[in-house]
């Protein structure tokens, strides 16, 4: 968020802020499910983000790569619930499987649009404005 704000790309910054809030909500959904099922939540350190991010295209390519990584982790959890016969958790994780399809699509479309924009400042500013118009529904 700050990276884009520093560059006066407030639309991209707003998109990232909404995305961050949404991801916290997803994490809390898993957190609450583990507790609801009688599990124990163990929180670990989160590595600091990089201090340099690059162009908007490079940033959104990182977003897409991260979403694909998250998808892989969710798929592993889903398979584990199947192996253990935990049908309730399998149903709960199905929501995340579906959500990741949407997350990858959103990030992928952003990457493709930024690729089309290339180095065109007017095109990037237009996309910045569009990304800033994103509502909390995605």
Protein backbone atom coordinates (compact mmCIF):
# COMPACT_ATOMS: atom_id res chain seq x y z
CA UNK A 1 0.00 0.00 0.00
CA UNK A 2 2.64 2.49 1.04
CA UNK A 3 4.68 1.67 -2.06
CA UNK A 4 1.85 2.83 -4.31
CA UNK A 5 0.90 5.76 -2.09
CA UNK A 6 4.49 7.04 -2.26
CA UNK A 7 4.18 7.03 -6.06
CA UNK A 8 0.81 8.83 -5.97
CA UNK A 9 -0.89 5.71 -7.31
CA UNK A 10 -3.70 5.91 -4.79
CA UNK A 11 -6.01 3.56 -6.68
CA UNK A 12 -3.53 0.70 -6.56
CA UNK A 13 -2.90 1.55 -2.90
CA UNK A 14 -6.64 1.39 -2.15
CA UNK A 15 -6.89 -1.96 -3.98
CA UNK A 16 -4.06 -3.35 -1.85
CA UNK A 17 -5.62 -2.01 1.35
CA UNK A 18 -8.93 -3.73 0.57
CA UNK A 19 -7.07 -6.90 -0.36
CA UNK A 20 -5.16 -6.86 2.92
CA UNK A 21 -8.38 -6.44 4.91
CA UNK A 22 -9.98 -9.27 2.99
CA UNK A 23 -7.00 -11.56 3.65
CA UNK A 24 -7.13 -10.82 7.38
CA UNK A 25 -10.80 -11.81 7.28
CA UNK A 26 -9.88 -15.08 5.57
CA UNK A 27 -7.20 -15.80 8.16
CA UNK A 28 -9.67 -15.15 10.98
CA UNK A 29 -12.19 -17.50 9.35
CA UNK A 30 -9.61 -20.30 9.51
CA UNK A 31 -8.54 -19.26 13.02
CA UNK A 32 -12.13 -19.38 14.26
CA UNK A 33 -12.77 -22.74 12.54
CA UNK A 34 -9.77 -24.35 14.21
CA UNK A 35 -10.97 -23.12 17.62
CA UNK A 36 -14.58 -24.14 16.90
CA UNK A 37 -13.39 -27.67 16.12
CA UNK A 38 -11.44 -27.86 19.38
CA UNK A 39 -8.04 -27.29 17.84
CA UNK A 40 -5.17 -25.18 19.04
CA UNK A 41 -4.02 -22.14 17.09
CA UNK A 42 -0.27 -21.63 17.03
CA UNK A 43 0.82 -18.30 15.58
CA UNK A 44 4.30 -17.90 14.15
CA UNK A 45 6.45 -15.00 13.02
CA UNK A 46 5.64 -13.41 9.71
CA UNK A 47 8.61 -12.27 7.66
CA UNK A 48 8.84 -8.57 6.97
CA UNK A 49 7.87 -7.60 3.44
CA UNK A 50 10.54 -6.39 1.04
CA UNK A 51 11.33 -2.69 1.04
CA UNK A 52 11.38 -2.43 -2.76
CA UNK A 53 8.55 -3.65 -4.95
CA UNK A 54 9.09 -2.43 -8.51
CA UNK A 55 6.58 -1.42 -11.13
CA UNK A 56 2.84 -1.95 -10.76
CA UNK A 57 3.16 -4.93 -13.12
CA UNK A 58 5.93 -6.46 -11.02
CA UNK A 59 3.90 -5.95 -7.84
CA UNK A 60 0.81 -7.62 -9.28
CA UNK A 61 2.91 -10.47 -10.65
CA UNK A 62 4.06 -10.99 -7.04
CA UNK A 63 0.42 -10.86 -5.91
CA UNK A 64 -0.53 -13.53 -8.47
CA UNK A 65 2.41 -15.74 -7.47
CA UNK A 66 1.40 -15.40 -3.81
CA UNK A 67 -2.23 -16.29 -4.56
CA UNK A 68 -1.05 -19.39 -6.41
CA UNK A 69 1.08 -20.35 -3.41
CA UNK A 70 -1.92 -19.90 -1.08
CA UNK A 71 -4.05 -22.00 -3.43
CA UNK A 72 -1.49 -24.80 -3.17
CA UNK A 73 -1.54 -24.63 0.64
CA UNK A 74 -5.33 -24.74 0.73
CA UNK A 75 -5.36 -27.71 -1.62
CA UNK A 76 -2.94 -29.53 0.71
CA UNK A 77 -5.23 -28.84 3.67
CA UNK A 78 -8.22 -30.03 1.66
CA UNK A 79 -6.44 -33.28 0.78
CA UNK A 80 -5.49 -33.77 4.42
CA UNK A 81 -9.13 -33.43 5.50
CA UNK A 82 -10.07 -36.08 2.92
CA UNK A 83 -7.33 -38.45 4.09
CA UNK A 84 -8.50 -38.07 7.69
CA UNK A 85 -12.19 -38.32 6.87
CA UNK A 86 -12.86 -34.88 8.36
CA UNK A 87 -15.93 -34.11 6.25
CA UNK A 88 -16.89 -30.99 8.20
CA UNK A 89 -13.51 -29.38 7.59
CA UNK A 90 -13.60 -30.46 3.96
CA UNK A 91 -16.88 -28.57 3.56
CA UNK A 92 -15.42 -25.52 5.33
CA UNK A 93 -12.32 -25.56 3.14
CA UNK A 94 -14.43 -25.75 -0.01
CA UNK A 95 -15.25 -22.08 0.61
CA UNK A 96 -11.54 -21.29 0.48
CA UNK A 97 -11.03 -23.37 -2.66
CA UNK A 98 -13.75 -21.35 -4.40
CA UNK A 99 -12.40 -18.08 -3.01
CA UNK A 100 -8.93 -18.83 -4.37
CA UNK A 101 -10.34 -19.29 -7.87
CA UNK A 102 -11.68 -15.73 -7.56
CA UNK A 103 -8.43 -14.42 -6.05
CA UNK A 104 -6.29 -15.88 -8.82
CA UNK A 105 -8.69 -14.57 -11.46
CA UNK A 106 -8.60 -11.06 -9.98
CA UNK A 107 -4.81 -10.98 -9.73
CA UNK A 108 -4.42 -12.57 -13.16
CA UNK A 109 -6.67 -9.98 -14.79
CA UNK A 110 -4.68 -7.22 -13.10
CA UNK A 111 -1.43 -8.65 -14.46
CA UNK A 112 -2.85 -8.94 -17.97
CA UNK A 113 -4.19 -5.38 -17.92
CA UNK A 114 -0.87 -4.03 -16.68
CA UNK A 115 0.97 -6.00 -19.36
CA UNK A 116 -1.28 -4.43 -21.98
CA UNK A 117 -0.60 -0.98 -20.49
CA UNK A 118 3.14 -1.52 -20.80
CA UNK A 119 5.09 1.65 -20.06
CA UNK A 120 2.21 3.94 -21.03
CA UNK A 121 1.77 6.44 -18.19
CA UNK A 122 -1.78 7.37 -19.28
CA UNK A 123 -2.79 3.70 -19.37
CA UNK A 124 -1.28 3.03 -15.94
CA UNK A 125 -3.05 6.10 -14.51
CA UNK A 126 -6.34 4.91 -16.01
CA UNK A 127 -5.85 1.48 -14.43
CA UNK A 128 -4.91 3.14 -11.14
CA UNK A 129 -8.24 4.97 -11.22
CA UNK A 130 -10.15 1.76 -12.02
CA UNK A 131 -8.42 -0.21 -9.27
CA UNK A 132 -9.29 2.57 -6.82
CA UNK A 133 -12.96 2.14 -7.70
CA UNK A 134 -12.92 -1.47 -6.45
CA UNK A 135 -15.45 -2.02 -3.71
CA UNK A 136 -15.16 -4.43 -0.82
CA UNK A 137 -16.99 -7.08 -2.86
CA UNK A 138 -13.93 -7.44 -5.07
